[in-house]
Amino acid sequence: MIFRNKISNDIIFATCRNDNSSGVLCINKSSQVLSIIINEGKLVPFIASSPQITDGQSLALKVAARTKLPGMEGMFAERFNQLIEAEDYVNAAKLAKQSSGTSIRNIDTINKLRNKPAAQG
């Protein structure tokens, strides 16, 4: 788990999704209702640069791929190009599919993969 700030001195005993704000509502032991909203544009870069998170770059890529949050477009492009140079076209295509935004999910990527030789076997 990733914690940035303590939100309550009391124990949080119930949480639920808040569809109105794309956040979370919490109730603590003192019956306070707390609303938590994550700044989606800063979450992935925070994970990538946090010294408290072991292998933050890798985790940030996974979070960005799973949630389609912005912030790692440059890393996706760099990793994609590494896979293309290593002739690992299958994993390059998988990475493009998982990537957030349109940095590598675009016609240029399709053309790069289309111009590569077909896999043997």
PDB file of N, CA and C in Angstrom:
ATOM      1  N   MET A   1       0.830  -1.183   0.000  1.00  0.00           N
ATOM      2  CA  MET A   1       0.000   0.000   0.000  1.00  0.00           C
ATOM      3  C   MET A   1       0.877   1.250   0.000  1.00  0.00           C
ATOM      4  N   ILE A   2       0.315   2.312  -0.484  1.00  0.00           N
ATOM      5  CA  ILE A   2       1.020   3.581  -0.549  1.00  0.00           C
ATOM      6  C   ILE A   2       0.286   4.577   0.331  1.00  0.00           C
ATOM      7  N   PHE A   3       0.986   5.143   1.287  1.00  0.00           N
ATOM      8  CA  PHE A   3       0.390   6.144   2.171  1.00  0.00           C
ATOM      9  C   PHE A   3       1.159   7.439   2.025  1.00  0.00           C
ATOM     10  N   ARG A   4       0.453   8.530   1.893  1.00  0.00           N
ATOM     11  CA  ARG A   4       1.100   9.829   1.798  1.00  0.00           C
ATOM     12  C   ARG A   4       0.876  10.632   3.077  1.00  0.00           C
ATOM     13  N   ASN A   5      -0.341  10.627   3.594  1.00  0.00           N
ATOM     14  CA  ASN A   5      -0.689  11.380   4.797  1.00  0.00           C
ATOM     15  C   ASN A   5      -1.628  10.564   5.665  1.00  0.00           C
ATOM     16  N   LYS A   6      -1.508  10.766   6.937  1.00  0.00           N
ATOM     17  CA  LYS A   6      -2.448  10.166   7.876  1.00  0.00           C
ATOM     18  C   LYS A   6      -3.723  10.995   7.818  1.00  0.00           C
ATOM     19  N   ILE A   7      -4.867  10.338   7.653  1.00  0.00           N
ATOM     20  CA  ILE A   7      -6.117  11.087   7.482  1.00  0.00           C
ATOM     21  C   ILE A   7      -6.941  11.188   8.753  1.00  0.00           C
ATOM     22  N   SER A   8      -6.613  10.371   9.753  1.00  0.00           N
ATOM     23  CA  SER A   8      -7.395  10.387  10.983  1.00  0.00           C
ATOM     24  C   SER A   8      -6.563   9.815  12.125  1.00  0.00           C
ATOM     25  N   ASN A   9      -6.751  10.395  13.316  1.00  0.00           N
ATOM     26  CA  ASN A   9      -6.110   9.819  14.492  1.00  0.00           C
ATOM     27  C   ASN A   9      -6.884   8.617  15.007  1.00  0.00           C
ATOM     28  N   ASP A  10      -8.150   8.523  14.604  1.00  0.00           N
ATOM     29  CA  ASP A  10      -8.985   7.400  15.014  1.00  0.00           C
ATOM     30  C   ASP A  10      -8.962   6.311  13.948  1.00  0.00           C
ATOM     31  N   ILE A  11      -9.351   5.131  14.355  1.00  0.00           N
ATOM     32  CA  ILE A  11      -9.393   3.993  13.452  1.00  0.00           C
ATOM     33  C   ILE A  11     -10.491   4.198  12.406  1.00  0.00           C
ATOM     34  N   ILE A  12     -10.152   3.931  11.160  1.00  0.00           N
ATOM     35  CA  ILE A  12     -11.132   3.946  10.074  1.00  0.00           C
ATOM     36  C   ILE A  12     -11.754   2.552  10.054  1.00  0.00           C
ATOM     37  N   PHE A  13     -13.080   2.482  10.201  1.00  0.00           N
ATOM     38  CA  PHE A  13     -13.688   1.156  10.249  1.00  0.00           C
ATOM     39  C   PHE A  13     -14.603   0.844   9.080  1.00  0.00           C
ATOM     40  N   ALA A  14     -14.924   1.811   8.238  1.00  0.00           N
ATOM     41  CA  ALA A  14     -15.744   1.537   7.064  1.00  0.00           C
ATOM     42  C   ALA A  14     -15.343   2.477   5.935  1.00  0.00           C
ATOM     43  N   THR A  15     -15.280   1.931   4.748  1.00  0.00           N
ATOM     44  CA  THR A  15     -14.982   2.732   3.564  1.00  0.00           C
ATOM     45  C   THR A  15     -15.883   2.282   2.420  1.00  0.00           C
ATOM     46  N   CYS A  16     -16.110   3.185   1.496  1.00  0.00           N
ATOM     47  CA  CYS A  16     -16.846   2.838   0.280  1.00  0.00           C
ATOM     48  C   CYS A  16     -16.429   3.791  -0.833  1.00  0.00           C
ATOM     49  N   ARG A  17     -16.671   3.379  -2.017  1.00  0.00           N
ATOM     50  CA  ARG A  17     -16.366   4.189  -3.182  1.00  0.00           C
ATOM     51  C   ARG A  17     -17.351   5.351  -3.270  1.00  0.00           C
ATOM     52  N   ASN A  18     -16.832   6.531  -3.649  1.00  0.00           N
ATOM     53  CA  ASN A  18     -17.672   7.704  -3.850  1.00  0.00           C
ATOM     54  C   ASN A  18     -17.736   7.979  -5.354  1.00  0.00           C
ATOM     55  N   ASP A  19     -18.800   7.532  -5.987  1.00  0.00           N
ATOM     56  CA  ASP A  19     -18.925   7.688  -7.437  1.00  0.00           C
ATOM     57  C   ASP A  19     -19.048   9.142  -7.876  1.00  0.00           C
ATOM     58  N   ASN A  20     -19.497  10.013  -6.996  1.00  0.00           N
ATOM     59  CA  ASN A  20     -19.630  11.433  -7.343  1.00  0.00           C
ATOM     60  C   ASN A  20     -18.291  12.106  -7.554  1.00  0.00           C
ATOM     61  N   SER A  21     -17.269  11.670  -6.813  1.00  0.00           N
ATOM     62  CA  SER A  21     -15.964  12.321  -6.896  1.00  0.00           C
ATOM     63  C   SER A  21     -14.855  11.385  -7.366  1.00  0.00           C
ATOM     64  N   SER A  22     -15.196  10.152  -7.672  1.00  0.00           N
ATOM     65  CA  SER A  22     -14.198   9.126  -8.014  1.00  0.00           C
ATOM     66  C   SER A  22     -13.209   8.941  -6.877  1.00  0.00           C
ATOM     67  N   GLY A  23     -13.650   9.158  -5.676  1.00  0.00           N
ATOM     68  CA  GLY A  23     -12.802   9.001  -4.496  1.00  0.00           C
ATOM     69  C   GLY A  23     -13.356   7.941  -3.567  1.00  0.00           C
ATOM     70  N   VAL A  24     -13.064   8.114  -2.290  1.00  0.00           N
ATOM     71  CA  VAL A  24     -13.456   7.156  -1.266  1.00  0.00           C
ATOM     72  C   VAL A  24     -14.043   7.922  -0.086  1.00  0.00           C
ATOM     73  N   LEU A  25     -15.098   7.391   0.475  1.00  0.00           N
ATOM     74  CA  LEU A  25     -15.654   7.909   1.723  1.00  0.00           C
ATOM     75  C   LEU A  25     -15.273   6.959   2.843  1.00  0.00           C
ATOM     76  N   CYS A  26     -14.911   7.528   3.991  1.00  0.00           N
ATOM     77  CA  CYS A  26     -14.508   6.728   5.145  1.00  0.00           C
ATOM     78  C   CYS A  26     -15.265   7.208   6.374  1.00  0.00           C
ATOM     79  N   ILE A  27     -15.488   6.297   7.299  1.00  0.00           N
ATOM     80  CA  ILE A  27     -16.060   6.650   8.599  1.00  0.00           C
ATOM     81  C   ILE A  27     -15.086   6.152   9.654  1.00  0.00           C
ATOM     82  N   ASN A  28     -14.736   7.047  10.583  1.00  0.00           N
ATOM     83  CA  ASN A  28     -13.811   6.631  11.636  1.00  0.00           C
ATOM     84  C   ASN A  28     -14.556   6.344  12.934  1.00  0.00           C
ATOM     85  N   LYS A  29     -13.809   5.933  13.942  1.00  0.00           N
ATOM     86  CA  LYS A  29     -14.373   5.537  15.231  1.00  0.00           C
ATOM     87  C   LYS A  29     -15.142   6.675  15.907  1.00  0.00           C
ATOM     88  N   SER A  30     -14.793   7.931  15.601  1.00  0.00           N
ATOM     89  CA  SER A  30     -15.468   9.095  16.180  1.00  0.00           C
ATOM     90  C   SER A  30     -16.687   9.516  15.367  1.00  0.00           C
ATOM     91  N   SER A  31     -17.097   8.695  14.404  1.00  0.00           N
ATOM     92  CA  SER A  31     -18.247   8.939  13.530  1.00  0.00           C
ATOM     93  C   SER A  31     -18.031  10.091  12.553  1.00  0.00           C
ATOM     94  N   GLN A  32     -16.797  10.448  12.308  1.00  0.00           N
ATOM     95  CA  GLN A  32     -16.501  11.460  11.295  1.00  0.00           C
ATOM     96  C   GLN A  32     -16.547  10.808   9.917  1.00  0.00           C
ATOM     97  N   VAL A  33     -17.137  11.518   8.962  1.00  0.00           N
ATOM     98  CA  VAL A  33     -17.142  11.057   7.581  1.00  0.00           C
ATOM     99  C   VAL A  33     -16.033  11.811   6.851  1.00  0.00           C
ATOM    100  N   LEU A  34     -15.130  11.064   6.244  1.00  0.00           N
ATOM    101  CA  LEU A  34     -13.992  11.654   5.550  1.00  0.00           C
ATOM    102  C   LEU A  34     -14.104  11.347   4.061  1.00  0.00           C
ATOM    103  N   SER A  35     -13.799  12.320   3.240  1.00  0.00           N
ATOM    104  CA  SER A  35     -13.807  12.137   1.796  1.00  0.00           C
ATOM    105  C   SER A  35     -12.372  12.228   1.296  1.00  0.00           C
ATOM    106  N   ILE A  36     -11.961  11.235   0.552  1.00  0.00           N
ATOM    107  CA  ILE A  36     -10.602  11.191   0.023  1.00  0.00           C
ATOM    108  C   ILE A  36     -10.682  11.197  -1.495  1.00  0.00           C
ATOM    109  N   ILE A  37      -9.950  12.116  -2.086  1.00  0.00           N
ATOM    110  CA  ILE A  37      -9.891  12.196  -3.542  1.00  0.00           C
ATOM    111  C   ILE A  37      -8.419  12.165  -3.936  1.00  0.00           C
ATOM    112  N   ILE A  38      -8.085  11.296  -4.860  1.00  0.00           N
ATOM    113  CA  ILE A  38      -6.713  11.172  -5.335  1.00  0.00           C
ATOM    114  C   ILE A  38      -6.541  12.040  -6.571  1.00  0.00           C
ATOM    115  N   ASN A  39      -5.467  12.803  -6.604  1.00  0.00           N
ATOM    116  CA  ASN A  39      -5.128  13.582  -7.789  1.00  0.00           C
ATOM    117  C   ASN A  39      -4.556  12.598  -8.809  1.00  0.00           C
ATOM    118  N   GLU A  40      -5.397  12.152  -9.719  1.00  0.00           N
ATOM    119  CA  GLU A  40      -5.022  11.095 -10.654  1.00  0.00           C
ATOM    120  C   GLU A  40      -3.829  11.461 -11.524  1.00  0.00           C
ATOM    121  N   GLY A  41      -3.675  12.725 -11.841  1.00  0.00           N
ATOM    122  CA  GLY A  41      -2.560  13.150 -12.674  1.00  0.00           C
ATOM    123  C   GLY A  41      -1.211  13.079 -11.988  1.00  0.00           C
ATOM    124  N   LYS A  42      -1.216  13.016 -10.661  1.00  0.00           N
ATOM    125  CA  LYS A  42       0.049  13.000  -9.917  1.00  0.00           C
ATOM    126  C   LYS A  42       0.346  11.671  -9.249  1.00  0.00           C
ATOM    127  N   LEU A  43      -0.601  10.735  -9.236  1.00  0.00           N
ATOM    128  CA  LEU A  43      -0.399   9.469  -8.527  1.00  0.00           C
ATOM    129  C   LEU A  43       0.734   8.646  -9.122  1.00  0.00           C
ATOM    130  N   VAL A  44       0.701   8.411 -10.418  1.00  0.00           N
ATOM    131  CA  VAL A  44       1.708   7.560 -11.050  1.00  0.00           C
ATOM    132  C   VAL A  44       3.106   8.193 -10.966  1.00  0.00           C
ATOM    133  N   PRO A  45       3.279   9.493 -11.266  1.00  0.00           N
ATOM    134  CA  PRO A  45       4.608  10.096 -11.089  1.00  0.00           C
ATOM    135  C   PRO A  45       5.092  10.035  -9.634  1.00  0.00           C
ATOM    136  N   PHE A  46       4.168  10.160  -8.667  1.00  0.00           N
ATOM    137  CA  PHE A  46       4.550  10.052  -7.261  1.00  0.00           C
ATOM    138  C   PHE A  46       5.102   8.660  -6.964  1.00  0.00           C
ATOM    139  N   ILE A  47       4.426   7.629  -7.443  1.00  0.00           N
ATOM    140  CA  ILE A  47       4.894   6.260  -7.224  1.00  0.00           C
ATOM    141  C   ILE A  47       6.267   6.066  -7.844  1.00  0.00           C
ATOM    142  N   ALA A  48       6.440   6.560  -9.062  1.00  0.00           N
ATOM    143  CA  ALA A  48       7.703   6.382  -9.787  1.00  0.00           C
ATOM    144  C   ALA A  48       8.874   7.065  -9.091  1.00  0.00           C
ATOM    145  N   SER A  49       8.625   8.197  -8.445  1.00  0.00           N
ATOM    146  CA  SER A  49       9.728   8.973  -7.861  1.00  0.00           C
ATOM    147  C   SER A  49       9.869   8.826  -6.351  1.00  0.00           C
ATOM    148  N   SER A  50       8.999   8.065  -5.716  1.00  0.00           N
ATOM    149  CA  SER A  50       9.039   7.945  -4.261  1.00  0.00           C
ATOM    150  C   SER A  50      10.201   7.062  -3.814  1.00  0.00           C
ATOM    151  N   PRO A  51      11.095   7.598  -2.974  1.00  0.00           N
ATOM    152  CA  PRO A  51      12.225   6.791  -2.505  1.00  0.00           C
ATOM    153  C   PRO A  51      11.805   5.689  -1.528  1.00  0.00           C
ATOM    154  N   GLN A  52      10.599   5.793  -0.976  1.00  0.00           N
ATOM    155  CA  GLN A  52      10.124   4.772  -0.034  1.00  0.00           C
ATOM    156  C   GLN A  52       9.598   3.522  -0.741  1.00  0.00           C
ATOM    157  N   ILE A  53       9.386   3.598  -2.036  1.00  0.00           N
ATOM    158  CA  ILE A  53       8.814   2.480  -2.781  1.00  0.00           C
ATOM    159  C   ILE A  53       9.922   1.763  -3.539  1.00  0.00           C
ATOM    160  N   THR A  54      10.123   0.502  -3.212  1.00  0.00           N
ATOM    161  CA  THR A  54      11.122  -0.300  -3.897  1.00  0.00           C
ATOM    162  C   THR A  54      10.674  -0.532  -5.332  1.00  0.00           C
ATOM    163  N   ASP A  55      11.556  -0.276  -6.275  1.00  0.00           N
ATOM    164  CA  ASP A  55      11.271  -0.448  -7.703  1.00  0.00           C
ATOM    165  C   ASP A  55      10.033   0.339  -8.121  1.00  0.00           C
ATOM    166  N   GLY A  56      10.005   1.598  -7.734  1.00  0.00           N
ATOM    167  CA  GLY A  56       8.872   2.468  -8.006  1.00  0.00           C
ATOM    168  C   GLY A  56       8.571   2.639  -9.487  1.00  0.00           C
ATOM    169  N   GLN A  57       9.606   2.651 -10.335  1.00  0.00           N
ATOM    170  CA  GLN A  57       9.388   2.798 -11.778  1.00  0.00           C
ATOM    171  C   GLN A  57       8.556   1.640 -12.319  1.00  0.00           C
ATOM    172  N   SER A  58       8.918   0.434 -11.928  1.00  0.00           N
ATOM    173  CA  SER A  58       8.190  -0.745 -12.394  1.00  0.00           C
ATOM    174  C   SER A  58       6.759  -0.751 -11.877  1.00  0.00           C
ATOM    175  N   LEU A  59       6.594  -0.420 -10.593  1.00  0.00           N
ATOM    176  CA  LEU A  59       5.253  -0.363 -10.015  1.00  0.00           C
ATOM    177  C   LEU A  59       4.417   0.719 -10.688  1.00  0.00           C
ATOM    178  N   ALA A  60       5.022   1.860 -10.966  1.00  0.00           N
ATOM    179  CA  ALA A  60       4.303   2.954 -11.625  1.00  0.00           C
ATOM    180  C   ALA A  60       3.822   2.548 -13.011  1.00  0.00           C
ATOM    181  N   LEU A  61       4.662   1.830 -13.749  1.00  0.00           N
ATOM    182  CA  LEU A  61       4.241   1.336 -15.067  1.00  0.00           C
ATOM    183  C   LEU A  61       3.049   0.388 -14.944  1.00  0.00           C
ATOM    184  N   LYS A  62       3.096  -0.498 -13.946  1.00  0.00           N
ATOM    185  CA  LYS A  62       2.000  -1.449 -13.749  1.00  0.00           C
ATOM    186  C   LYS A  62       0.710  -0.732 -13.361  1.00  0.00           C
ATOM    187  N   VAL A  63       0.826   0.248 -12.470  1.00  0.00           N
ATOM    188  CA  VAL A  63      -0.361   1.004 -12.053  1.00  0.00           C
ATOM    189  C   VAL A  63      -0.932   1.784 -13.233  1.00  0.00           C
ATOM    190  N   ALA A  64      -0.058   2.434 -14.001  1.00  0.00           N
ATOM    191  CA  ALA A  64      -0.514   3.205 -15.161  1.00  0.00           C
ATOM    192  C   ALA A  64      -1.185   2.297 -16.187  1.00  0.00           C
ATOM    193  N   ALA A  65      -0.616   1.114 -16.403  1.00  0.00           N
ATOM    194  CA  ALA A  65      -1.199   0.181 -17.369  1.00  0.00           C
ATOM    195  C   ALA A  65      -2.557  -0.326 -16.893  1.00  0.00           C
ATOM    196  N   ARG A  66      -2.650  -0.650 -15.628  1.00  0.00           N
ATOM    197  CA  ARG A  66      -3.902  -1.214 -15.096  1.00  0.00           C
ATOM    198  C   ARG A  66      -5.008  -0.174 -15.002  1.00  0.00           C
ATOM    199  N   THR A  67      -4.660   1.040 -14.604  1.00  0.00           N
ATOM    200  CA  THR A  67      -5.686   2.062 -14.336  1.00  0.00           C
ATOM    201  C   THR A  67      -5.850   3.066 -15.466  1.00  0.00           C
ATOM    202  N   LYS A  68      -4.945   3.023 -16.452  1.00  0.00           N
ATOM    203  CA  LYS A  68      -4.943   3.981 -17.568  1.00  0.00           C
ATOM    204  C   LYS A  68      -4.764   5.422 -17.083  1.00  0.00           C
ATOM    205  N   LEU A  69      -4.050   5.588 -15.967  1.00  0.00           N
ATOM    206  CA  LEU A  69      -3.766   6.923 -15.452  1.00  0.00           C
ATOM    207  C   LEU A  69      -2.571   7.520 -16.184  1.00  0.00           C
ATOM    208  N   PRO A  70      -2.533   8.839 -16.319  1.00  0.00           N
ATOM    209  CA  PRO A  70      -1.410   9.491 -17.005  1.00  0.00           C
ATOM    210  C   PRO A  70      -0.177   9.577 -16.110  1.00  0.00           C
ATOM    211  N   GLY A  71       0.946   9.895 -16.735  1.00  0.00           N
ATOM    212  CA  GLY A  71       2.147  10.176 -15.971  1.00  0.00           C
ATOM    213  C   GLY A  71       3.346   9.331 -16.350  1.00  0.00           C
ATOM    214  N   MET A  72       3.145   8.264 -17.107  1.00  0.00           N
ATOM    215  CA  MET A  72       4.274   7.398 -17.462  1.00  0.00           C
ATOM    216  C   MET A  72       4.413   7.234 -18.979  1.00  0.00           C
ATOM    217  N   GLU A  73       3.858   8.154 -19.735  1.00  0.00           N
ATOM    218  CA  GLU A  73       3.891   8.035 -21.179  1.00  0.00           C
ATOM    219  C   GLU A  73       5.316   7.901 -21.708  1.00  0.00           C
ATOM    220  N   GLY A  74       6.232   8.697 -21.161  1.00  0.00           N
ATOM    221  CA  GLY A  74       7.632   8.630 -21.589  1.00  0.00           C
ATOM    222  C   GLY A  74       8.262   7.283 -21.284  1.00  0.00           C
ATOM    223  N   MET A  75       7.943   6.722 -20.130  1.00  0.00           N
ATOM    224  CA  MET A  75       8.479   5.410 -19.757  1.00  0.00           C
ATOM    225  C   MET A  75       7.903   4.313 -20.650  1.00  0.00           C
ATOM    226  N   PHE A  76       6.613   4.411 -20.971  1.00  0.00           N
ATOM    227  CA  PHE A  76       6.014   3.433 -21.884  1.00  0.00           C
ATOM    228  C   PHE A  76       6.716   3.482 -23.233  1.00  0.00           C
ATOM    229  N   ALA A  77       6.941   4.681 -23.743  1.00  0.00           N
ATOM    230  CA  ALA A  77       7.596   4.838 -25.049  1.00  0.00           C
ATOM    231  C   ALA A  77       9.020   4.295 -25.003  1.00  0.00           C
ATOM    232  N   GLU A  78       9.745   4.592 -23.929  1.00  0.00           N
ATOM    233  CA  GLU A  78      11.124   4.108 -23.796  1.00  0.00           C
ATOM    234  C   GLU A  78      11.164   2.586 -23.753  1.00  0.00           C
ATOM    235  N   ARG A  79      10.303   1.993 -22.942  1.00  0.00           N
ATOM    236  CA  ARG A  79      10.254   0.524 -22.825  1.00  0.00           C
ATOM    237  C   ARG A  79       9.821  -0.106 -24.150  1.00  0.00           C
ATOM    238  N   PHE A  80       8.858   0.495 -24.822  1.00  0.00           N
ATOM    239  CA  PHE A  80       8.400  -0.002 -26.112  1.00  0.00           C
ATOM    240  C   PHE A  80       9.564  -0.032 -27.110  1.00  0.00           C
ATOM    241  N   ASN A  81      10.317   1.048 -27.180  1.00  0.00           N
ATOM    242  CA  ASN A  81      11.457   1.107 -28.102  1.00  0.00           C
ATOM    243  C   ASN A  81      12.530   0.091 -27.746  1.00  0.00           C
ATOM    244  N   GLN A  82      12.748  -0.153 -26.456  1.00  0.00           N
ATOM    245  CA  GLN A  82      13.702  -1.184 -26.031  1.00  0.00           C
ATOM    246  C   GLN A  82      13.258  -2.560 -26.525  1.00  0.00           C
ATOM    247  N   LEU A  83      11.971  -2.842 -26.399  1.00  0.00           N
ATOM    248  CA  LEU A  83      11.453  -4.133 -26.850  1.00  0.00           C
ATOM    249  C   LEU A  83      11.554  -4.271 -28.367  1.00  0.00           C
ATOM    250  N   ILE A  84      11.290  -3.198 -29.099  1.00  0.00           N
ATOM    251  CA  ILE A  84      11.419  -3.232 -30.560  1.00  0.00           C
ATOM    252  C   ILE A  84      12.871  -3.490 -30.954  1.00  0.00           C
ATOM    253  N   GLU A  85      13.820  -2.794 -30.300  1.00  0.00           N
ATOM    254  CA  GLU A  85      15.239  -2.983 -30.602  1.00  0.00           C
ATOM    255  C   GLU A  85      15.694  -4.404 -30.295  1.00  0.00           C
ATOM    256  N   ALA A  86      15.090  -5.010 -29.259  1.00  0.00           N
ATOM    257  CA  ALA A  86      15.425  -6.382 -28.893  1.00  0.00           C
ATOM    258  C   ALA A  86      14.656  -7.399 -29.739  1.00  0.00           C
ATOM    259  N   GLU A  87      13.882  -6.908 -30.703  1.00  0.00           N
ATOM    260  CA  GLU A  87      13.058  -7.728 -31.585  1.00  0.00           C
ATOM    261  C   GLU A  87      12.044  -8.577 -30.820  1.00  0.00           C
ATOM    262  N   ASP A  88      11.594  -8.056 -29.687  1.00  0.00           N
ATOM    263  CA  ASP A  88      10.559  -8.708 -28.875  1.00  0.00           C
ATOM    264  C   ASP A  88       9.215  -8.056 -29.222  1.00  0.00           C
ATOM    265  N   TYR A  89       8.731  -8.364 -30.412  1.00  0.00           N
ATOM    266  CA  TYR A  89       7.555  -7.694 -30.948  1.00  0.00           C
ATOM    267  C   TYR A  89       6.263  -8.065 -30.219  1.00  0.00           C
ATOM    268  N   VAL A  90       6.200  -9.288 -29.725  1.00  0.00           N
ATOM    269  CA  VAL A  90       4.998  -9.717 -29.006  1.00  0.00           C
ATOM    270  C   VAL A  90       4.829  -8.888 -27.736  1.00  0.00           C
ATOM    271  N   ASN A  91       5.892  -8.756 -26.947  1.00  0.00           N
ATOM    272  CA  ASN A  91       5.804  -7.972 -25.721  1.00  0.00           C
ATOM    273  C   ASN A  91       5.686  -6.480 -26.004  1.00  0.00           C
ATOM    274  N   ALA A  92       6.252  -6.021 -27.106  1.00  0.00           N
ATOM    275  CA  ALA A  92       6.088  -4.616 -27.497  1.00  0.00           C
ATOM    276  C   ALA A  92       4.620  -4.338 -27.802  1.00  0.00           C
ATOM    277  N   ALA A  93       3.976  -5.255 -28.505  1.00  0.00           N
ATOM    278  CA  ALA A  93       2.555  -5.084 -28.817  1.00  0.00           C
ATOM    279  C   ALA A  93       1.711  -5.141 -27.548  1.00  0.00           C
ATOM    280  N   LYS A  94       2.047  -6.047 -26.630  1.00  0.00           N
ATOM    281  CA  LYS A  94       1.316  -6.136 -25.362  1.00  0.00           C
ATOM    282  C   LYS A  94       1.469  -4.849 -24.564  1.00  0.00           C
ATOM    283  N   LEU A  95       2.680  -4.306 -24.529  1.00  0.00           N
ATOM    284  CA  LEU A  95       2.920  -3.061 -23.808  1.00  0.00           C
ATOM    285  C   LEU A  95       2.122  -1.918 -24.428  1.00  0.00           C
ATOM    286  N   ALA A  96       2.088  -1.852 -25.741  1.00  0.00           N
ATOM    287  CA  ALA A  96       1.316  -0.800 -26.412  1.00  0.00           C
ATOM    288  C   ALA A  96      -0.165  -0.921 -26.052  1.00  0.00           C
ATOM    289  N   LYS A  97      -0.642  -2.138 -25.993  1.00  0.00           N
ATOM    290  CA  LYS A  97      -2.049  -2.363 -25.643  1.00  0.00           C
ATOM    291  C   LYS A  97      -2.333  -1.901 -24.212  1.00  0.00           C
ATOM    292  N   GLN A  98      -1.399  -2.141 -23.297  1.00  0.00           N
ATOM    293  CA  GLN A  98      -1.591  -1.811 -21.881  1.00  0.00           C
ATOM    294  C   GLN A  98      -1.329  -0.345 -21.568  1.00  0.00           C
ATOM    295  N   SER A  99      -0.620   0.354 -22.419  1.00  0.00           N
ATOM    296  CA  SER A  99      -0.165   1.702 -22.090  1.00  0.00           C
ATOM    297  C   SER A  99      -1.326   2.670 -21.908  1.00  0.00           C
ATOM    298  N   SER A 100      -1.071   3.674 -21.092  1.00  0.00           N
ATOM    299  CA  SER A 100      -2.073   4.715 -20.880  1.00  0.00           C
ATOM    300  C   SER A 100      -1.898   5.799 -21.932  1.00  0.00           C
ATOM    301  N   GLY A 101      -2.945   6.506 -22.213  1.00  0.00           N
ATOM    302  CA  GLY A 101      -2.857   7.604 -23.169  1.00  0.00           C
ATOM    303  C   GLY A 101      -2.616   7.128 -24.584  1.00  0.00           C
ATOM    304  N   THR A 102      -2.138   8.034 -25.415  1.00  0.00           N
ATOM    305  CA  THR A 102      -1.912   7.711 -26.830  1.00  0.00           C
ATOM    306  C   THR A 102      -0.445   7.850 -27.221  1.00  0.00           C
ATOM    307  N   SER A 103       0.455   7.902 -26.231  1.00  0.00           N
ATOM    308  CA  SER A 103       1.867   8.085 -26.555  1.00  0.00           C
ATOM    309  C   SER A 103       2.402   6.949 -27.418  1.00  0.00           C
ATOM    310  N   ILE A 104       1.971   5.714 -27.162  1.00  0.00           N
ATOM    311  CA  ILE A 104       2.365   4.609 -28.038  1.00  0.00           C
ATOM    312  C   ILE A 104       1.155   3.838 -28.563  1.00  0.00           C
ATOM    313  N   ARG A 105      -0.017   4.253 -28.197  1.00  0.00           N
ATOM    314  CA  ARG A 105      -1.235   3.639 -28.744  1.00  0.00           C
ATOM    315  C   ARG A 105      -1.723   4.513 -29.892  1.00  0.00           C
ATOM    316  N   ASN A 106      -1.015   4.410 -31.008  1.00  0.00           N
ATOM    317  CA  ASN A 106      -1.326   5.280 -32.142  1.00  0.00           C
ATOM    318  C   ASN A 106      -0.941   4.598 -33.454  1.00  0.00           C
ATOM    319  N   ILE A 107      -1.178   5.268 -34.544  1.00  0.00           N
ATOM    320  CA  ILE A 107      -0.920   4.706 -35.880  1.00  0.00           C
ATOM    321  C   ILE A 107       0.571   4.475 -36.116  1.00  0.00           C
ATOM    322  N   ASP A 108       1.444   5.295 -35.529  1.00  0.00           N
ATOM    323  CA  ASP A 108       2.893   5.101 -35.694  1.00  0.00           C
ATOM    324  C   ASP A 108       3.328   3.761 -35.112  1.00  0.00           C
ATOM    325  N   THR A 109       2.767   3.400 -33.968  1.00  0.00           N
ATOM    326  CA  THR A 109       3.096   2.123 -33.345  1.00  0.00           C
ATOM    327  C   THR A 109       2.622   0.967 -34.220  1.00  0.00           C
ATOM    328  N   ILE A 110       1.414   1.090 -34.730  1.00  0.00           N
ATOM    329  CA  ILE A 110       0.881   0.041 -35.609  1.00  0.00           C
ATOM    330  C   ILE A 110       1.791  -0.125 -36.825  1.00  0.00           C
ATOM    331  N   ASN A 111       2.229   0.978 -37.399  1.00  0.00           N
ATOM    332  CA  ASN A 111       3.112   0.910 -38.565  1.00  0.00           C
ATOM    333  C   ASN A 111       4.472   0.317 -38.215  1.00  0.00           C
ATOM    334  N   LYS A 112       5.011   0.649 -37.032  1.00  0.00           N
ATOM    335  CA  LYS A 112       6.293   0.065 -36.602  1.00  0.00           C
ATOM    336  C   LYS A 112       6.180  -1.451 -36.519  1.00  0.00           C
ATOM    337  N   LEU A 113       5.099  -1.924 -35.920  1.00  0.00           N
ATOM    338  CA  LEU A 113       4.915  -3.361 -35.756  1.00  0.00           C
ATOM    339  C   LEU A 113       4.574  -4.034 -37.087  1.00  0.00           C
ATOM    340  N   ARG A 114       3.845  -3.353 -37.912  1.00  0.00           N
ATOM    341  CA  ARG A 114       3.444  -3.908 -39.211  1.00  0.00           C
ATOM    342  C   ARG A 114       4.666  -4.118 -40.110  1.00  0.00           C
ATOM    343  N   ASN A 115       5.670  -3.274 -39.976  1.00  0.00           N
ATOM    344  CA  ASN A 115       6.859  -3.351 -40.839  1.00  0.00           C
ATOM    345  C   ASN A 115       7.900  -4.337 -40.327  1.00  0.00           C
ATOM    346  N   LYS A 116       7.628  -5.018 -39.252  1.00  0.00           N
ATOM    347  CA  LYS A 116       8.585  -5.996 -38.711  1.00  0.00           C
ATOM    348  C   LYS A 116       8.293  -7.368 -39.304  1.00  0.00           C
ATOM    349  N   PRO A 117       9.331  -8.217 -39.360  1.00  0.00           N
ATOM    350  CA  PRO A 117       9.117  -9.564 -39.927  1.00  0.00           C
ATOM    351  C   PRO A 117       8.186 -10.392 -39.042  1.00  0.00           C
ATOM    352  N   ALA A 118       7.467 -11.298 -39.675  1.00  0.00           N
ATOM    353  CA  ALA A 118       6.550 -12.181 -38.951  1.00  0.00           C
ATOM    354  C   ALA A 118       7.349 -13.141 -38.084  1.00  0.00           C
ATOM    355  N   ALA A 119       6.764 -13.505 -36.939  1.00  0.00           N
ATOM    356  CA  ALA A 119       7.416 -14.442 -36.014  1.00  0.00           C
ATOM    357  C   ALA A 119       7.483 -15.825 -36.643  1.00  0.00           C
ATOM    358  N   GLN A 120       8.575 -16.530 -36.418  1.00  0.00           N
ATOM    359  CA  GLN A 120       8.748 -17.887 -36.926  1.00  0.00           C
ATOM    360  C   GLN A 120       8.024 -18.871 -36.033  1.00  0.00           C
ATOM    361  N   GLY A 121       7.479 -19.900 -36.643  1.00  0.00           N
ATOM    362  CA  GLY A 121       6.870 -20.964 -35.847  1.00  0.00           C
ATOM    363  C   GLY A 121       5.468 -21.005 -35.997  1.00  0.00           C
TER     364      GLY A 121
END
